[in-house]
N, C-alpha and C. Protein backbone atom coordinates (compact mmCIF):
# COMPACT_ATOMS: atom_id res chain seq x y z
N MET A 1 0.83 26.07 -10.68
CA MET A 1 1.45 24.84 -10.21
C MET A 1 2.52 25.18 -9.18
N THR A 2 2.50 24.47 -8.09
CA THR A 2 3.48 24.67 -7.02
C THR A 2 4.62 23.70 -7.19
N LYS A 3 5.83 24.18 -6.93
CA LYS A 3 7.02 23.32 -6.95
C LYS A 3 7.89 23.75 -5.78
N ILE A 4 8.08 22.84 -4.83
CA ILE A 4 8.89 23.12 -3.64
C ILE A 4 9.96 22.05 -3.55
N ALA A 5 11.18 22.48 -3.32
CA ALA A 5 12.29 21.54 -3.16
C ALA A 5 12.84 21.64 -1.74
N SER A 6 13.46 20.58 -1.30
CA SER A 6 14.11 20.58 -0.01
C SER A 6 15.38 21.41 -0.10
N ALA A 7 15.36 22.56 0.57
CA ALA A 7 16.48 23.50 0.52
C ALA A 7 16.41 24.39 1.77
N GLY A 8 17.36 25.31 1.87
CA GLY A 8 17.44 26.16 3.05
C GLY A 8 16.17 26.93 3.35
N ASN A 9 15.54 27.50 2.32
CA ASN A 9 14.34 28.29 2.60
C ASN A 9 13.16 27.41 3.00
N SER A 10 13.08 26.20 2.46
CA SER A 10 11.99 25.31 2.87
C SER A 10 12.27 24.71 4.25
N ASP A 11 13.54 24.52 4.61
CA ASP A 11 13.87 24.10 5.97
C ASP A 11 13.37 25.13 6.99
N THR A 12 13.59 26.40 6.69
CA THR A 12 13.17 27.46 7.59
C THR A 12 11.65 27.49 7.72
N ALA A 13 10.95 27.32 6.61
CA ALA A 13 9.48 27.29 6.64
C ALA A 13 8.99 26.07 7.43
N ALA A 14 9.64 24.92 7.26
CA ALA A 14 9.25 23.72 7.99
C ALA A 14 9.47 23.91 9.50
N TYR A 15 10.57 24.54 9.86
CA TYR A 15 10.84 24.84 11.28
C TYR A 15 9.72 25.71 11.85
N ALA A 16 9.31 26.72 11.10
CA ALA A 16 8.23 27.60 11.55
C ALA A 16 6.92 26.83 11.72
N VAL A 17 6.66 25.88 10.82
CA VAL A 17 5.45 25.07 10.93
C VAL A 17 5.49 24.20 12.18
N LEU A 18 6.67 23.60 12.45
CA LEU A 18 6.81 22.79 13.66
C LEU A 18 6.46 23.61 14.90
N LEU A 19 7.00 24.82 14.97
CA LEU A 19 6.71 25.69 16.12
C LEU A 19 5.24 26.06 16.18
N SER A 20 4.64 26.38 15.02
CA SER A 20 3.23 26.78 15.00
C SER A 20 2.31 25.63 15.37
N LYS A 21 2.75 24.39 15.17
CA LYS A 21 1.97 23.23 15.56
C LYS A 21 2.14 22.90 17.05
N GLY A 22 2.95 23.70 17.74
CA GLY A 22 3.10 23.53 19.18
C GLY A 22 4.24 22.61 19.61
N TYR A 23 5.13 22.26 18.69
CA TYR A 23 6.25 21.40 19.04
C TYR A 23 7.39 22.21 19.63
N THR A 24 8.08 21.61 20.59
CA THR A 24 9.34 22.13 21.07
C THR A 24 10.41 21.50 20.20
N VAL A 25 11.29 22.32 19.63
CA VAL A 25 12.31 21.80 18.72
C VAL A 25 13.69 22.05 19.32
N GLN A 26 14.48 21.00 19.33
CA GLN A 26 15.86 21.09 19.82
C GLN A 26 16.79 20.50 18.77
N MET A 27 18.07 20.83 18.91
CA MET A 27 19.10 20.19 18.11
C MET A 27 19.91 19.31 19.06
N ARG A 28 20.17 18.08 18.65
CA ARG A 28 21.03 17.18 19.40
C ARG A 28 22.22 16.82 18.54
N LYS A 29 23.40 16.96 19.10
CA LYS A 29 24.61 16.64 18.34
C LYS A 29 24.67 15.17 18.00
N LYS A 30 25.11 14.90 16.78
CA LYS A 30 25.40 13.53 16.38
C LYS A 30 26.79 13.17 16.89
N ALA A 31 27.16 11.92 16.73
CA ALA A 31 28.44 11.43 17.25
C ALA A 31 29.64 12.19 16.69
N ASP A 32 29.52 12.69 15.45
CA ASP A 32 30.65 13.41 14.85
C ASP A 32 30.88 14.78 15.47
N GLY A 33 29.92 15.27 16.25
CA GLY A 33 30.05 16.57 16.91
C GLY A 33 29.91 17.76 15.98
N LYS A 34 29.69 17.52 14.70
CA LYS A 34 29.61 18.60 13.71
C LYS A 34 28.22 18.74 13.09
N THR A 35 27.42 17.72 13.21
CA THR A 35 26.07 17.75 12.66
C THR A 35 25.10 17.37 13.77
N GLY A 36 23.83 17.55 13.52
CA GLY A 36 22.86 17.27 14.56
C GLY A 36 21.54 16.76 14.05
N TRP A 37 20.76 16.26 14.98
CA TRP A 37 19.40 15.83 14.72
C TRP A 37 18.44 16.96 15.10
N PHE A 38 17.37 17.10 14.36
CA PHE A 38 16.27 18.00 14.74
C PHE A 38 15.26 17.14 15.49
N VAL A 39 14.99 17.52 16.74
CA VAL A 39 14.11 16.74 17.60
C VAL A 39 12.90 17.59 17.95
N ALA A 40 11.72 17.13 17.55
CA ALA A 40 10.47 17.83 17.86
C ALA A 40 9.70 17.01 18.88
N GLN A 41 9.26 17.66 19.96
CA GLN A 41 8.55 16.98 21.04
C GLN A 41 7.23 17.68 21.34
N LYS A 42 6.22 16.84 21.62
CA LYS A 42 4.92 17.38 22.01
C LYS A 42 4.07 16.23 22.55
N ASP A 43 3.39 16.47 23.64
CA ASP A 43 2.46 15.49 24.21
C ASP A 43 3.09 14.11 24.42
N GLY A 44 4.35 14.08 24.83
CA GLY A 44 5.01 12.81 25.10
C GLY A 44 5.54 12.09 23.89
N SER A 45 5.35 12.66 22.70
CA SER A 45 5.88 12.06 21.47
C SER A 45 7.13 12.79 21.04
N GLU A 46 8.02 12.07 20.38
CA GLU A 46 9.28 12.64 19.92
C GLU A 46 9.54 12.19 18.48
N PHE A 47 9.89 13.15 17.63
CA PHE A 47 10.15 12.89 16.22
C PHE A 47 11.54 13.43 15.90
N ILE A 48 12.37 12.58 15.29
CA ILE A 48 13.78 12.91 15.10
C ILE A 48 14.14 12.78 13.63
N GLY A 49 14.68 13.86 13.04
CA GLY A 49 15.08 13.82 11.65
C GLY A 49 16.37 14.58 11.41
N ASP A 50 16.89 14.43 10.22
CA ASP A 50 18.12 15.13 9.83
C ASP A 50 17.89 16.60 9.50
N SER A 51 16.64 16.98 9.28
CA SER A 51 16.31 18.35 8.90
C SER A 51 14.92 18.68 9.42
N PRO A 52 14.57 19.97 9.45
CA PRO A 52 13.20 20.31 9.84
C PRO A 52 12.17 19.70 8.89
N ILE A 53 12.49 19.63 7.59
CA ILE A 53 11.55 19.04 6.62
C ILE A 53 11.34 17.57 6.92
N GLU A 54 12.43 16.85 7.18
CA GLU A 54 12.32 15.43 7.48
C GLU A 54 11.53 15.21 8.77
N THR A 55 11.80 16.01 9.77
CA THR A 55 11.09 15.88 11.04
C THR A 55 9.61 16.18 10.86
N LEU A 56 9.29 17.21 10.12
CA LEU A 56 7.88 17.54 9.84
C LEU A 56 7.22 16.42 9.04
N GLY A 57 7.96 15.81 8.14
CA GLY A 57 7.42 14.68 7.38
C GLY A 57 7.08 13.50 8.27
N LEU A 58 7.92 13.22 9.26
CA LEU A 58 7.63 12.15 10.20
C LEU A 58 6.36 12.44 10.99
N ILE A 59 6.20 13.71 11.37
CA ILE A 59 4.99 14.11 12.09
C ILE A 59 3.76 13.94 11.20
N ALA A 60 3.87 14.36 9.95
CA ALA A 60 2.74 14.22 9.02
C ALA A 60 2.38 12.75 8.83
N MET A 61 3.40 11.89 8.71
CA MET A 61 3.15 10.45 8.57
C MET A 61 2.42 9.92 9.80
N PHE A 62 2.87 10.31 10.98
CA PHE A 62 2.24 9.86 12.22
C PHE A 62 0.81 10.40 12.34
N GLU A 63 0.61 11.65 11.98
CA GLU A 63 -0.75 12.22 12.03
C GLU A 63 -1.69 11.46 11.10
N PHE A 64 -1.19 11.04 9.95
CA PHE A 64 -2.02 10.35 8.96
C PHE A 64 -2.23 8.88 9.32
N ARG A 65 -1.16 8.21 9.79
CA ARG A 65 -1.21 6.76 9.99
C ARG A 65 -1.36 6.34 11.45
N GLY A 66 -1.02 7.22 12.37
CA GLY A 66 -1.13 6.90 13.79
C GLY A 66 -0.07 5.93 14.27
N GLU A 67 -0.38 5.25 15.37
CA GLU A 67 0.57 4.33 15.99
C GLU A 67 0.96 3.19 15.04
N ASP A 68 0.10 2.88 14.12
CA ASP A 68 0.36 1.81 13.15
C ASP A 68 0.98 2.40 11.88
N TRP A 69 2.06 3.16 12.04
CA TRP A 69 2.66 3.91 10.94
C TRP A 69 3.57 3.07 10.06
N LYS A 70 4.01 1.92 10.54
CA LYS A 70 5.00 1.13 9.79
C LYS A 70 4.42 0.62 8.47
N PRO A 71 5.29 0.49 7.43
CA PRO A 71 4.79 0.09 6.11
C PRO A 71 4.38 -1.38 6.06
N THR A 72 3.43 -1.64 5.19
CA THR A 72 3.03 -3.02 4.91
C THR A 72 4.01 -3.62 3.90
N ASP A 73 3.97 -4.92 3.75
CA ASP A 73 4.81 -5.58 2.75
C ASP A 73 4.50 -5.05 1.35
N LEU A 74 3.24 -4.79 1.07
CA LEU A 74 2.84 -4.26 -0.23
C LEU A 74 3.44 -2.88 -0.46
N GLU A 75 3.47 -2.05 0.56
CA GLU A 75 4.07 -0.71 0.44
C GLU A 75 5.58 -0.78 0.22
N VAL A 76 6.24 -1.71 0.90
CA VAL A 76 7.68 -1.89 0.70
C VAL A 76 7.95 -2.31 -0.74
N THR A 77 7.17 -3.24 -1.24
CA THR A 77 7.32 -3.70 -2.62
C THR A 77 7.09 -2.56 -3.61
N ALA A 78 6.08 -1.74 -3.38
CA ALA A 78 5.78 -0.62 -4.28
C ALA A 78 6.94 0.36 -4.33
N LEU A 79 7.55 0.67 -3.19
CA LEU A 79 8.69 1.59 -3.18
C LEU A 79 9.89 0.96 -3.88
N THR A 80 10.14 -0.30 -3.64
CA THR A 80 11.24 -0.99 -4.30
C THR A 80 11.06 -0.98 -5.81
N GLU A 81 9.84 -1.22 -6.27
CA GLU A 81 9.56 -1.20 -7.71
C GLU A 81 9.78 0.19 -8.29
N LEU A 82 9.40 1.23 -7.57
CA LEU A 82 9.63 2.60 -8.03
C LEU A 82 11.12 2.87 -8.17
N GLU A 83 11.89 2.48 -7.16
CA GLU A 83 13.35 2.69 -7.20
C GLU A 83 13.98 1.88 -8.33
N ASP A 84 13.55 0.64 -8.51
CA ASP A 84 14.09 -0.20 -9.58
C ASP A 84 13.77 0.38 -10.95
N ALA A 85 12.58 0.93 -11.11
CA ALA A 85 12.19 1.53 -12.38
C ALA A 85 13.05 2.76 -12.69
N ALA A 86 13.44 3.49 -11.66
CA ALA A 86 14.25 4.70 -11.87
C ALA A 86 15.73 4.38 -12.09
N PHE A 87 16.25 3.40 -11.36
CA PHE A 87 17.69 3.16 -11.35
C PHE A 87 18.10 1.78 -11.80
N GLY A 88 17.15 0.91 -12.06
CA GLY A 88 17.48 -0.48 -12.34
C GLY A 88 17.75 -1.21 -11.05
N GLU A 89 17.78 -2.51 -11.12
CA GLU A 89 18.03 -3.28 -9.91
C GLU A 89 19.49 -3.14 -9.51
N LEU A 90 19.72 -2.70 -8.30
CA LEU A 90 21.07 -2.53 -7.78
C LEU A 90 21.50 -3.80 -7.05
N GLU A 91 22.74 -4.14 -7.21
CA GLU A 91 23.24 -5.35 -6.55
C GLU A 91 23.97 -5.02 -5.28
C-alpha cells in the first residue's frame, strides 16, 4: 500500500515531474515579498499554485477534464457534504 503526504520530499518529486512533462517552472513573488507562486507554463497554458504539488494537481485536473474543468453543481454539493460530514456544518 502506498501512502504519500504533501511534504518537502513530495514537493521536490512533483517539481521533477513538472520538468519531465516539459513545463517551464518559475517562482513569482506574492504581495508579501516573502512567499511565492509556482508557475508552470507549456504550449501557451499557465498553471499557478502555492506548491509544486498543487501546481501539478492543477495540470492533472486540466489533462483529465480539459477546458471544461470547472465543477458542476453536483460536484460542489458532494464536496460540501464531505466537509460537513468531517467537521459538521460551519457557520
